Amino acid sequence: MSNLATAEAMIAAYNAQDADLYVSYMTEDACEAGYRGAVVREGKEGTRTGLAAAFAKWPQNHAEIREKQAIGNYVLFREYVTRGPASDGSELVEPFEVIAVYSFEGDKCSRVEFIR
């Protein structure tokens, strides 16, 4: 599977709210972070736990890939994310765009950075 196909499969798992499937495409020490910044979900298990919590809070959460490009060991997506109502009654998050940079080591994603 190409890196682009793997990143697309990660988004499909994200949209299906399947945190286990999402992290199956990642290295053990993978993380999610702000672009060139702080790690927000550390390691495969931290990413799985963080996503599961987000999916529980926003059961209608969805990311649409609007543009995509693969460059070497990187995949870039421009994503449009909608959260929907929060299950805890917290304030509605307006839909937003984000650039996601997926870094790969071999056939696994090792880091996802978000520019927002």
PDB file of N, CA and C in Angstrom:
ATOM      1  N   MET A   1       0.857  -1.175   0.000  1.00  0.00           N
ATOM      2  CA  MET A   1       0.000   0.000   0.000  1.00  0.00           C
ATOM      3  C   MET A   1       0.905   1.241   0.000  1.00  0.00           C
ATOM      4  N   SER A   2       0.593   2.212  -0.833  1.00  0.00           N
ATOM      5  CA  SER A   2       1.379   3.445  -0.879  1.00  0.00           C
ATOM      6  C   SER A   2       1.120   4.284   0.376  1.00  0.00           C
ATOM      7  N   ASN A   3       2.015   5.230   0.630  1.00  0.00           N
ATOM      8  CA  ASN A   3       1.811   6.133   1.775  1.00  0.00           C
ATOM      9  C   ASN A   3       0.506   6.902   1.633  1.00  0.00           C
ATOM     10  N   LEU A   4       0.195   7.332   0.411  1.00  0.00           N
ATOM     11  CA  LEU A   4      -1.061   8.049   0.180  1.00  0.00           C
ATOM     12  C   LEU A   4      -2.254   7.160   0.523  1.00  0.00           C
ATOM     13  N   ALA A   5      -2.236   5.925   0.068  1.00  0.00           N
ATOM     14  CA  ALA A   5      -3.332   4.993   0.362  1.00  0.00           C
ATOM     15  C   ALA A   5      -3.434   4.726   1.863  1.00  0.00           C
ATOM     16  N   THR A   6      -2.293   4.658   2.544  1.00  0.00           N
ATOM     17  CA  THR A   6      -2.309   4.439   3.992  1.00  0.00           C
ATOM     18  C   THR A   6      -2.933   5.629   4.707  1.00  0.00           C
ATOM     19  N   ALA A   7      -2.540   6.841   4.328  1.00  0.00           N
ATOM     20  CA  ALA A   7      -3.112   8.036   4.959  1.00  0.00           C
ATOM     21  C   ALA A   7      -4.613   8.132   4.677  1.00  0.00           C
ATOM     22  N   GLU A   8      -5.024   7.760   3.469  1.00  0.00           N
ATOM     23  CA  GLU A   8      -6.460   7.752   3.155  1.00  0.00           C
ATOM     24  C   GLU A   8      -7.192   6.717   4.009  1.00  0.00           C
ATOM     25  N   ALA A   9      -6.561   5.565   4.232  1.00  0.00           N
ATOM     26  CA  ALA A   9      -7.157   4.531   5.087  1.00  0.00           C
ATOM     27  C   ALA A   9      -7.262   5.025   6.529  1.00  0.00           C
ATOM     28  N   MET A  10      -6.286   5.827   6.965  1.00  0.00           N
ATOM     29  CA  MET A  10      -6.350   6.396   8.310  1.00  0.00           C
ATOM     30  C   MET A  10      -7.556   7.334   8.437  1.00  0.00           C
ATOM     31  N   ILE A  11      -7.805   8.132   7.405  1.00  0.00           N
ATOM     32  CA  ILE A  11      -8.967   9.034   7.443  1.00  0.00           C
ATOM     33  C   ILE A  11     -10.263   8.224   7.409  1.00  0.00           C
ATOM     34  N   ALA A  12     -10.301   7.160   6.636  1.00  0.00           N
ATOM     35  CA  ALA A  12     -11.498   6.306   6.615  1.00  0.00           C
ATOM     36  C   ALA A  12     -11.749   5.716   8.006  1.00  0.00           C
ATOM     37  N   ALA A  13     -10.688   5.278   8.682  1.00  0.00           N
ATOM     38  CA  ALA A  13     -10.833   4.739  10.046  1.00  0.00           C
ATOM     39  C   ALA A  13     -11.273   5.840  11.005  1.00  0.00           C
ATOM     40  N   TYR A  14     -10.722   7.030  10.840  1.00  0.00           N
ATOM     41  CA  TYR A  14     -11.095   8.193  11.659  1.00  0.00           C
ATOM     42  C   TYR A  14     -12.588   8.483  11.489  1.00  0.00           C
ATOM     43  N   ASN A  15     -13.042   8.505  10.252  1.00  0.00           N
ATOM     44  CA  ASN A  15     -14.452   8.799   9.989  1.00  0.00           C
ATOM     45  C   ASN A  15     -15.381   7.686  10.465  1.00  0.00           C
ATOM     46  N   ALA A  16     -14.885   6.470  10.529  1.00  0.00           N
ATOM     47  CA  ALA A  16     -15.660   5.348  11.071  1.00  0.00           C
ATOM     48  C   ALA A  16     -15.557   5.309  12.608  1.00  0.00           C
ATOM     49  N   GLN A  17     -14.785   6.256  13.155  1.00  0.00           N
ATOM     50  CA  GLN A  17     -14.532   6.352  14.595  1.00  0.00           C
ATOM     51  C   GLN A  17     -13.952   5.049  15.145  1.00  0.00           C
ATOM     52  N   ASP A  18     -13.023   4.483  14.388  1.00  0.00           N
ATOM     53  CA  ASP A  18     -12.359   3.235  14.773  1.00  0.00           C
ATOM     54  C   ASP A  18     -10.905   3.557  15.140  1.00  0.00           C
ATOM     55  N   ALA A  19     -10.694   3.913  16.406  1.00  0.00           N
ATOM     56  CA  ALA A  19      -9.367   4.310  16.864  1.00  0.00           C
ATOM     57  C   ALA A  19      -8.363   3.164  16.732  1.00  0.00           C
ATOM     58  N   ASP A  20      -8.795   1.928  16.970  1.00  0.00           N
ATOM     59  CA  ASP A  20      -7.891   0.785  16.858  1.00  0.00           C
ATOM     60  C   ASP A  20      -7.385   0.617  15.429  1.00  0.00           C
ATOM     61  N   LEU A  21      -8.273   0.724  14.460  1.00  0.00           N
ATOM     62  CA  LEU A  21      -7.870   0.601  13.066  1.00  0.00           C
ATOM     63  C   LEU A  21      -6.959   1.765  12.678  1.00  0.00           C
ATOM     64  N   TYR A  22      -7.293   2.969  13.115  1.00  0.00           N
ATOM     65  CA  TYR A  22      -6.486   4.151  12.818  1.00  0.00           C
ATOM     66  C   TYR A  22      -5.040   3.943  13.257  1.00  0.00           C
ATOM     67  N   VAL A  23      -4.840   3.520  14.505  1.00  0.00           N
ATOM     68  CA  VAL A  23      -3.466   3.378  15.004  1.00  0.00           C
ATOM     69  C   VAL A  23      -2.761   2.144  14.447  1.00  0.00           C
ATOM     70  N   SER A  24      -3.500   1.223  13.850  1.00  0.00           N
ATOM     71  CA  SER A  24      -2.847   0.050  13.245  1.00  0.00           C
ATOM     72  C   SER A  24      -1.948   0.451  12.082  1.00  0.00           C
ATOM     73  N   TYR A  25      -2.158   1.630  11.540  1.00  0.00           N
ATOM     74  CA  TYR A  25      -1.340   2.137  10.431  1.00  0.00           C
ATOM     75  C   TYR A  25      -0.127   2.920  10.933  1.00  0.00           C
ATOM     76  N   MET A  26       0.083   2.984  12.261  1.00  0.00           N
ATOM     77  CA  MET A  26       1.122   3.817  12.851  1.00  0.00           C
ATOM     78  C   MET A  26       2.238   2.972  13.469  1.00  0.00           C
ATOM     79  N   THR A  27       3.426   3.581  13.589  1.00  0.00           N
ATOM     80  CA  THR A  27       4.525   2.969  14.317  1.00  0.00           C
ATOM     81  C   THR A  27       4.187   2.998  15.810  1.00  0.00           C
ATOM     82  N   GLU A  28       4.877   2.173  16.594  1.00  0.00           N
ATOM     83  CA  GLU A  28       4.610   2.111  18.043  1.00  0.00           C
ATOM     84  C   GLU A  28       4.832   3.454  18.733  1.00  0.00           C
ATOM     85  N   ASP A  29       5.847   4.204  18.291  1.00  0.00           N
ATOM     86  CA  ASP A  29       6.163   5.479  18.947  1.00  0.00           C
ATOM     87  C   ASP A  29       5.613   6.684  18.180  1.00  0.00           C
ATOM     88  N   ALA A  30       4.639   6.453  17.327  1.00  0.00           N
ATOM     89  CA  ALA A  30       4.033   7.535  16.543  1.00  0.00           C
ATOM     90  C   ALA A  30       3.378   8.554  17.460  1.00  0.00           C
ATOM     91  N   CYS A  31       3.139   9.742  16.915  1.00  0.00           N
ATOM     92  CA  CYS A  31       2.448  10.766  17.695  1.00  0.00           C
ATOM     93  C   CYS A  31       1.668  11.679  16.765  1.00  0.00           C
ATOM     94  N   GLU A  32       0.806  12.469  17.381  1.00  0.00           N
ATOM     95  CA  GLU A  32       0.108  13.544  16.693  1.00  0.00           C
ATOM     96  C   GLU A  32       0.492  14.835  17.403  1.00  0.00           C
ATOM     97  N   ALA A  33       0.724  15.895  16.624  1.00  0.00           N
ATOM     98  CA  ALA A  33       1.261  17.127  17.198  1.00  0.00           C
ATOM     99  C   ALA A  33       0.797  18.334  16.401  1.00  0.00           C
ATOM    100  N   GLY A  34       0.925  19.492  17.021  1.00  0.00           N
ATOM    101  CA  GLY A  34       0.792  20.733  16.282  1.00  0.00           C
ATOM    102  C   GLY A  34       1.999  20.858  15.368  1.00  0.00           C
ATOM    103  N   TYR A  35       1.873  21.580  14.278  1.00  0.00           N
ATOM    104  CA  TYR A  35       2.984  21.702  13.334  1.00  0.00           C
ATOM    105  C   TYR A  35       4.199  22.314  14.015  1.00  0.00           C
ATOM    106  N   ARG A  36       5.300  21.590  14.022  1.00  0.00           N
ATOM    107  CA  ARG A  36       6.569  21.996  14.626  1.00  0.00           C
ATOM    108  C   ARG A  36       6.395  22.354  16.101  1.00  0.00           C
ATOM    109  N   GLY A  37       5.369  21.748  16.721  1.00  0.00           N
ATOM    110  CA  GLY A  37       5.082  22.124  18.099  1.00  0.00           C
ATOM    111  C   GLY A  37       4.840  20.953  19.021  1.00  0.00           C
ATOM    112  N   ALA A  38       4.061  21.230  20.029  1.00  0.00           N
ATOM    113  CA  ALA A  38       3.837  20.283  21.112  1.00  0.00           C
ATOM    114  C   ALA A  38       3.087  19.040  20.639  1.00  0.00           C
ATOM    115  N   VAL A  39       3.511  17.913  21.166  1.00  0.00           N
ATOM    116  CA  VAL A  39       2.832  16.640  20.914  1.00  0.00           C
ATOM    117  C   VAL A  39       1.516  16.651  21.683  1.00  0.00           C
ATOM    118  N   VAL A  40       0.419  16.309  21.003  1.00  0.00           N
ATOM    119  CA  VAL A  40      -0.891  16.272  21.667  1.00  0.00           C
ATOM    120  C   VAL A  40      -1.334  14.842  21.978  1.00  0.00           C
ATOM    121  N   ARG A  41      -0.839  13.879  21.224  1.00  0.00           N
ATOM    122  CA  ARG A  41      -1.115  12.455  21.485  1.00  0.00           C
ATOM    123  C   ARG A  41       0.187  11.700  21.266  1.00  0.00           C
ATOM    124  N   GLU A  42       0.707  11.091  22.342  1.00  0.00           N
ATOM    125  CA  GLU A  42       2.026  10.474  22.271  1.00  0.00           C
ATOM    126  C   GLU A  42       1.937   8.958  22.224  1.00  0.00           C
ATOM    127  N   GLY A  43       2.642   8.364  21.252  1.00  0.00           N
ATOM    128  CA  GLY A  43       2.676   6.916  21.103  1.00  0.00           C
ATOM    129  C   GLY A  43       1.383   6.379  20.517  1.00  0.00           C
ATOM    130  N   LYS A  44       1.474   5.147  20.083  1.00  0.00           N
ATOM    131  CA  LYS A  44       0.309   4.493  19.482  1.00  0.00           C
ATOM    132  C   LYS A  44      -0.847   4.427  20.489  1.00  0.00           C
ATOM    133  N   GLU A  45      -0.541   4.068  21.727  1.00  0.00           N
ATOM    134  CA  GLU A  45      -1.591   3.946  22.743  1.00  0.00           C
ATOM    135  C   GLU A  45      -2.169   5.307  23.127  1.00  0.00           C
ATOM    136  N   GLY A  46      -1.310   6.317  23.243  1.00  0.00           N
ATOM    137  CA  GLY A  46      -1.798   7.667  23.544  1.00  0.00           C
ATOM    138  C   GLY A  46      -2.693   8.205  22.443  1.00  0.00           C
ATOM    139  N   THR A  47      -2.349   7.891  21.199  1.00  0.00           N
ATOM    140  CA  THR A  47      -3.170   8.312  20.068  1.00  0.00           C
ATOM    141  C   THR A  47      -4.515   7.579  20.090  1.00  0.00           C
ATOM    142  N   ARG A  48      -4.475   6.275  20.350  1.00  0.00           N
ATOM    143  CA  ARG A  48      -5.717   5.501  20.408  1.00  0.00           C
ATOM    144  C   ARG A  48      -6.642   6.028  21.510  1.00  0.00           C
ATOM    145  N   THR A  49      -6.101   6.244  22.693  1.00  0.00           N
ATOM    146  CA  THR A  49      -6.884   6.733  23.825  1.00  0.00           C
ATOM    147  C   THR A  49      -7.441   8.130  23.557  1.00  0.00           C
ATOM    148  N   GLY A  50      -6.604   9.007  23.002  1.00  0.00           N
ATOM    149  CA  GLY A  50      -7.038  10.369  22.696  1.00  0.00           C
ATOM    150  C   GLY A  50      -8.140  10.407  21.653  1.00  0.00           C
ATOM    151  N   LEU A  51      -7.988   9.598  20.612  1.00  0.00           N
ATOM    152  CA  LEU A  51      -9.024   9.551  19.576  1.00  0.00           C
ATOM    153  C   LEU A  51     -10.318   8.964  20.121  1.00  0.00           C
ATOM    154  N   ALA A  52     -10.220   7.906  20.915  1.00  0.00           N
ATOM    155  CA  ALA A  52     -11.426   7.296  21.489  1.00  0.00           C
ATOM    156  C   ALA A  52     -12.194   8.315  22.323  1.00  0.00           C
ATOM    157  N   ALA A  53     -11.476   9.138  23.091  1.00  0.00           N
ATOM    158  CA  ALA A  53     -12.127  10.177  23.904  1.00  0.00           C
ATOM    159  C   ALA A  53     -12.784  11.228  23.007  1.00  0.00           C
ATOM    160  N   ALA A  54     -12.094  11.623  21.938  1.00  0.00           N
ATOM    161  CA  ALA A  54     -12.661  12.611  21.010  1.00  0.00           C
ATOM    162  C   ALA A  54     -13.900  12.050  20.316  1.00  0.00           C
ATOM    163  N   PHE A  55     -13.851  10.793  19.915  1.00  0.00           N
ATOM    164  CA  PHE A  55     -15.002  10.177  19.246  1.00  0.00           C
ATOM    165  C   PHE A  55     -16.189  10.070  20.196  1.00  0.00           C
ATOM    166  N   ALA A  56     -15.923   9.817  21.484  1.00  0.00           N
ATOM    167  CA  ALA A  56     -17.006   9.751  22.469  1.00  0.00           C
ATOM    168  C   ALA A  56     -17.632  11.127  22.659  1.00  0.00           C
ATOM    169  N   LYS A  57     -16.799  12.172  22.636  1.00  0.00           N
ATOM    170  CA  LYS A  57     -17.308  13.538  22.827  1.00  0.00           C
ATOM    171  C   LYS A  57     -18.039  14.045  21.597  1.00  0.00           C
ATOM    172  N   TRP A  58     -17.523  13.722  20.408  1.00  0.00           N
ATOM    173  CA  TRP A  58     -18.116  14.195  19.150  1.00  0.00           C
ATOM    174  C   TRP A  58     -18.487  13.001  18.276  1.00  0.00           C
ATOM    175  N   PRO A  59     -19.609  12.359  18.542  1.00  0.00           N
ATOM    176  CA  PRO A  59     -19.967  11.143  17.795  1.00  0.00           C
ATOM    177  C   PRO A  59     -20.241  11.373  16.303  1.00  0.00           C
ATOM    178  N   GLN A  60     -20.418  12.633  15.890  1.00  0.00           N
ATOM    179  CA  GLN A  60     -20.636  12.923  14.462  1.00  0.00           C
ATOM    180  C   GLN A  60     -19.379  13.483  13.797  1.00  0.00           C
ATOM    181  N   ASN A  61     -18.254  13.430  14.493  1.00  0.00           N
ATOM    182  CA  ASN A  61     -16.994  13.962  13.982  1.00  0.00           C
ATOM    183  C   ASN A  61     -16.676  13.369  12.605  1.00  0.00           C
ATOM    184  N   HIS A  62     -16.209  14.216  11.683  1.00  0.00           N
ATOM    185  CA  HIS A  62     -15.937  13.756  10.315  1.00  0.00           C
ATOM    186  C   HIS A  62     -14.883  14.652   9.675  1.00  0.00           C
ATOM    187  N   ALA A  63     -13.950  14.043   8.935  1.00  0.00           N
ATOM    188  CA  ALA A  63     -12.935  14.784   8.189  1.00  0.00           C
ATOM    189  C   ALA A  63     -13.080  14.465   6.707  1.00  0.00           C
ATOM    190  N   GLU A  64     -13.171  15.501   5.920  1.00  0.00           N
ATOM    191  CA  GLU A  64     -13.257  15.360   4.462  1.00  0.00           C
ATOM    192  C   GLU A  64     -11.931  15.810   3.857  1.00  0.00           C
ATOM    193  N   ILE A  65     -11.330  14.967   3.031  1.00  0.00           N
ATOM    194  CA  ILE A  65     -10.088  15.324   2.352  1.00  0.00           C
ATOM    195  C   ILE A  65     -10.455  16.210   1.158  1.00  0.00           C
ATOM    196  N   ARG A  66      -9.976  17.449   1.178  1.00  0.00           N
ATOM    197  CA  ARG A  66     -10.278  18.386   0.092  1.00  0.00           C
ATOM    198  C   ARG A  66      -9.161  18.457  -0.943  1.00  0.00           C
ATOM    199  N   GLU A  67      -7.930  18.266  -0.500  1.00  0.00           N
ATOM    200  CA  GLU A  67      -6.780  18.208  -1.405  1.00  0.00           C
ATOM    201  C   GLU A  67      -5.796  17.221  -0.819  1.00  0.00           C
ATOM    202  N   LYS A  68      -5.019  16.582  -1.690  1.00  0.00           N
ATOM    203  CA  LYS A  68      -4.040  15.614  -1.200  1.00  0.00           C
ATOM    204  C   LYS A  68      -2.828  15.588  -2.110  1.00  0.00           C
ATOM    205  N   GLN A  69      -1.677  15.307  -1.483  1.00  0.00           N
ATOM    206  CA  GLN A  69      -0.436  15.232  -2.238  1.00  0.00           C
ATOM    207  C   GLN A  69       0.542  14.350  -1.477  1.00  0.00           C
ATOM    208  N   ALA A  70       1.260  13.513  -2.192  1.00  0.00           N
ATOM    209  CA  ALA A  70       2.308  12.687  -1.607  1.00  0.00           C
ATOM    210  C   ALA A  70       3.653  13.182  -2.116  1.00  0.00           C
ATOM    211  N   ILE A  71       4.604  13.378  -1.184  1.00  0.00           N
ATOM    212  CA  ILE A  71       5.939  13.843  -1.532  1.00  0.00           C
ATOM    213  C   ILE A  71       6.929  13.019  -0.716  1.00  0.00           C
ATOM    214  N   GLY A  72       7.636  12.103  -1.351  1.00  0.00           N
ATOM    215  CA  GLY A  72       8.611  11.282  -0.639  1.00  0.00           C
ATOM    216  C   GLY A  72       7.962  10.521   0.510  1.00  0.00           C
ATOM    217  N   ASN A  73       8.471  10.729   1.721  1.00  0.00           N
ATOM    218  CA  ASN A  73       7.952  10.054   2.910  1.00  0.00           C
ATOM    219  C   ASN A  73       6.836  10.838   3.601  1.00  0.00           C
ATOM    220  N   TYR A  74       6.217  11.767   2.877  1.00  0.00           N
ATOM    221  CA  TYR A  74       5.181  12.617   3.452  1.00  0.00           C
ATOM    222  C   TYR A  74       3.915  12.582   2.618  1.00  0.00           C
ATOM    223  N   VAL A  75       2.785  12.720   3.304  1.00  0.00           N
ATOM    224  CA  VAL A  75       1.492  12.908   2.648  1.00  0.00           C
ATOM    225  C   VAL A  75       0.885  14.155   3.269  1.00  0.00           C
ATOM    226  N   LEU A  76       0.393  15.043   2.426  1.00  0.00           N
ATOM    227  CA  LEU A  76      -0.256  16.267   2.897  1.00  0.00           C
ATOM    228  C   LEU A  76      -1.721  16.231   2.491  1.00  0.00           C
ATOM    229  N   PHE A  77      -2.579  16.496   3.457  1.00  0.00           N
ATOM    230  CA  PHE A  77      -4.018  16.605   3.198  1.00  0.00           C
ATOM    231  C   PHE A  77      -4.484  17.973   3.657  1.00  0.00           C
ATOM    232  N   ARG A  78      -5.350  18.593   2.863  1.00  0.00           N
ATOM    233  CA  ARG A  78      -6.152  19.718   3.356  1.00  0.00           C
ATOM    234  C   ARG A  78      -7.483  19.097   3.719  1.00  0.00           C
ATOM    235  N   GLU A  79      -7.833  19.172   4.987  1.00  0.00           N
ATOM    236  CA  GLU A  79      -9.030  18.510   5.494  1.00  0.00           C
ATOM    237  C   GLU A  79     -10.042  19.538   5.984  1.00  0.00           C
ATOM    238  N   TYR A  80     -11.303  19.216   5.803  1.00  0.00           N
ATOM    239  CA  TYR A  80     -12.405  20.015   6.336  1.00  0.00           C
ATOM    240  C   TYR A  80     -13.058  19.157   7.412  1.00  0.00           C
ATOM    241  N   VAL A  81     -12.997  19.633   8.654  1.00  0.00           N
ATOM    242  CA  VAL A  81     -13.448  18.842   9.799  1.00  0.00           C
ATOM    243  C   VAL A  81     -14.721  19.430  10.388  1.00  0.00           C
ATOM    244  N   THR A  82     -15.705  18.572  10.568  1.00  0.00           N
ATOM    245  CA  THR A  82     -16.928  18.953  11.274  1.00  0.00           C
ATOM    246  C   THR A  82     -17.039  18.073  12.508  1.00  0.00           C
ATOM    247  N   ARG A  83     -17.393  18.677  13.611  1.00  0.00           N
ATOM    248  CA  ARG A  83     -17.496  17.938  14.864  1.00  0.00           C
ATOM    249  C   ARG A  83     -18.934  17.510  15.167  1.00  0.00           C
ATOM    250  N   GLY A  84     -19.904  18.395  14.899  1.00  0.00           N
ATOM    251  CA  GLY A  84     -21.280  18.113  15.304  1.00  0.00           C
ATOM    252  C   GLY A  84     -21.438  18.401  16.790  1.00  0.00           C
ATOM    253  N   PRO A  85     -22.632  18.163  17.321  1.00  0.00           N
ATOM    254  CA  PRO A  85     -22.876  18.442  18.735  1.00  0.00           C
ATOM    255  C   PRO A  85     -22.031  17.550  19.640  1.00  0.00           C
ATOM    256  N   ALA A  86     -21.567  18.133  20.738  1.00  0.00           N
ATOM    257  CA  ALA A  86     -20.783  17.379  21.714  1.00  0.00           C
ATOM    258  C   ALA A  86     -21.718  16.595  22.621  1.00  0.00           C
ATOM    259  N   SER A  87     -21.296  15.391  22.980  1.00  0.00           N
ATOM    260  CA  SER A  87     -22.118  14.531  23.841  1.00  0.00           C
ATOM    261  C   SER A  87     -22.187  15.055  25.269  1.00  0.00           C
ATOM    262  N   ASP A  88     -21.223  15.927  25.643  1.00  0.00           N
ATOM    263  CA  ASP A  88     -21.220  16.457  27.010  1.00  0.00           C
ATOM    264  C   ASP A  88     -21.917  17.810  27.122  1.00  0.00           C
ATOM    265  N   GLY A  89     -22.534  18.255  26.018  1.00  0.00           N
ATOM    266  CA  GLY A  89     -23.273  19.512  26.041  1.00  0.00           C
ATOM    267  C   GLY A  89     -22.400  20.747  25.930  1.00  0.00           C
ATOM    268  N   SER A  90     -21.104  20.566  25.716  1.00  0.00           N
ATOM    269  CA  SER A  90     -20.221  21.727  25.588  1.00  0.00           C
ATOM    270  C   SER A  90     -20.517  22.476  24.286  1.00  0.00           C
ATOM    271  N   GLU A  91     -19.963  23.665  24.195  1.00  0.00           N
ATOM    272  CA  GLU A  91     -20.227  24.559  23.075  1.00  0.00           C
ATOM    273  C   GLU A  91     -19.870  23.915  21.731  1.00  0.00           C
ATOM    274  N   LEU A  92     -20.676  24.194  20.736  1.00  0.00           N
ATOM    275  CA  LEU A  92     -20.462  23.659  19.392  1.00  0.00           C
ATOM    276  C   LEU A  92     -19.151  24.190  18.817  1.00  0.00           C
ATOM    277  N   VAL A  93     -18.367  23.303  18.240  1.00  0.00           N
ATOM    278  CA  VAL A  93     -17.132  23.688  17.558  1.00  0.00           C
ATOM    279  C   VAL A  93     -17.490  23.929  16.095  1.00  0.00           C
ATOM    280  N   GLU A  94     -17.176  25.121  15.614  1.00  0.00           N
ATOM    281  CA  GLU A  94     -17.454  25.439  14.214  1.00  0.00           C
ATOM    282  C   GLU A  94     -16.588  24.558  13.311  1.00  0.00           C
ATOM    283  N   PRO A  95     -17.111  24.175  12.144  1.00  0.00           N
ATOM    284  CA  PRO A  95     -16.288  23.417  11.189  1.00  0.00           C
ATOM    285  C   PRO A  95     -15.004  24.198  10.888  1.00  0.00           C
ATOM    286  N   PHE A  96     -13.926  23.489  10.616  1.00  0.00           N
ATOM    287  CA  PHE A  96     -12.650  24.150  10.385  1.00  0.00           C
ATOM    288  C   PHE A  96     -11.834  23.384   9.354  1.00  0.00           C
ATOM    289  N   GLU A  97     -10.881  24.113   8.756  1.00  0.00           N
ATOM    290  CA  GLU A  97      -9.936  23.484   7.838  1.00  0.00           C
ATOM    291  C   GLU A  97      -8.611  23.299   8.550  1.00  0.00           C
ATOM    292  N   VAL A  98      -7.920  22.253   8.170  1.00  0.00           N
ATOM    293  CA  VAL A  98      -6.612  21.955   8.742  1.00  0.00           C
ATOM    294  C   VAL A  98      -5.750  21.328   7.648  1.00  0.00           C
ATOM    295  N   ILE A  99      -4.467  21.635   7.696  1.00  0.00           N
ATOM    296  CA  ILE A  99      -3.500  20.922   6.859  1.00  0.00           C
ATOM    297  C   ILE A  99      -2.893  19.850   7.749  1.00  0.00           C
ATOM    298  N   ALA A 100      -2.920  18.623   7.307  1.00  0.00           N
ATOM    299  CA  ALA A 100      -2.339  17.514   8.058  1.00  0.00           C
ATOM    300  C   ALA A 100      -1.150  16.978   7.279  1.00  0.00           C
ATOM    301  N   VAL A 101      -0.018  16.864   7.965  1.00  0.00           N
ATOM    302  CA  VAL A 101       1.208  16.347   7.370  1.00  0.00           C
ATOM    303  C   VAL A 101       1.486  14.983   8.002  1.00  0.00           C
ATOM    304  N   TYR A 102       1.379  13.938   7.205  1.00  0.00           N
ATOM    305  CA  TYR A 102       1.618  12.564   7.650  1.00  0.00           C
ATOM    306  C   TYR A 102       3.043  12.194   7.277  1.00  0.00           C
ATOM    307  N   SER A 103       3.866  11.860   8.275  1.00  0.00           N
ATOM    308  CA  SER A 103       5.255  11.436   8.039  1.00  0.00           C
ATOM    309  C   SER A 103       5.317   9.917   8.141  1.00  0.00           C
ATOM    310  N   PHE A 104       6.085   9.307   7.265  1.00  0.00           N
ATOM    311  CA  PHE A 104       6.160   7.842   7.210  1.00  0.00           C
ATOM    312  C   PHE A 104       7.564   7.327   7.442  1.00  0.00           C
ATOM    313  N   GLU A 105       7.637   6.194   8.139  1.00  0.00           N
ATOM    314  CA  GLU A 105       8.848   5.400   8.262  1.00  0.00           C
ATOM    315  C   GLU A 105       8.482   4.043   7.694  1.00  0.00           C
ATOM    316  N   GLY A 106       9.039   3.718   6.542  1.00  0.00           N
ATOM    317  CA  GLY A 106       8.638   2.487   5.859  1.00  0.00           C
ATOM    318  C   GLY A 106       7.176   2.586   5.464  1.00  0.00           C
ATOM    319  N   ASP A 107       6.386   1.567   5.811  1.00  0.00           N
ATOM    320  CA  ASP A 107       4.968   1.563   5.421  1.00  0.00           C
ATOM    321  C   ASP A 107       4.046   2.020   6.547  1.00  0.00           C
ATOM    322  N   LYS A 108       4.616   2.582   7.625  1.00  0.00           N
ATOM    323  CA  LYS A 108       3.807   3.025   8.769  1.00  0.00           C
ATOM    324  C   LYS A 108       3.948   4.528   8.976  1.00  0.00           C
ATOM    325  N   CYS A 109       2.873   5.138   9.440  1.00  0.00           N
ATOM    326  CA  CYS A 109       2.883   6.553   9.769  1.00  0.00           C
ATOM    327  C   CYS A 109       3.553   6.746  11.131  1.00  0.00           C
ATOM    328  N   SER A 110       4.535   7.647  11.196  1.00  0.00           N
ATOM    329  CA  SER A 110       5.258   7.860  12.443  1.00  0.00           C
ATOM    330  C   SER A 110       4.857   9.162  13.134  1.00  0.00           C
ATOM    331  N   ARG A 111       4.227  10.066  12.423  1.00  0.00           N
ATOM    332  CA  ARG A 111       3.846  11.350  13.012  1.00  0.00           C
ATOM    333  C   ARG A 111       2.808  12.015  12.129  1.00  0.00           C
ATOM    334  N   VAL A 112       1.833  12.650  12.769  1.00  0.00           N
ATOM    335  CA  VAL A 112       0.868  13.485  12.057  1.00  0.00           C
ATOM    336  C   VAL A 112       0.932  14.858  12.706  1.00  0.00           C
ATOM    337  N   GLU A 113       1.191  15.875  11.891  1.00  0.00           N
ATOM    338  CA  GLU A 113       1.237  17.248  12.402  1.00  0.00           C
ATOM    339  C   GLU A 113       0.111  18.041  11.757  1.00  0.00           C
ATOM    340  N   PHE A 114      -0.483  18.903  12.560  1.00  0.00           N
ATOM    341  CA  PHE A 114      -1.639  19.688  12.112  1.00  0.00           C
ATOM    342  C   PHE A 114      -1.308  21.167  12.074  1.00  0.00           C
ATOM    343  N   ILE A 115      -1.646  21.805  10.948  1.00  0.00           N
ATOM    344  CA  ILE A 115      -1.488  23.245  10.785  1.00  0.00           C
ATOM    345  C   ILE A 115      -2.904  23.822  10.718  1.00  0.00           C
ATOM    346  N   ARG A 116      -3.197  24.676  11.684  1.00  0.00           N
ATOM    347  CA  ARG A 116      -4.555  25.220  11.755  1.00  0.00           C
ATOM    348  C   ARG A 116      -4.522  26.664  12.171  1.00  0.00           C
TER     349      ARG A 116
END
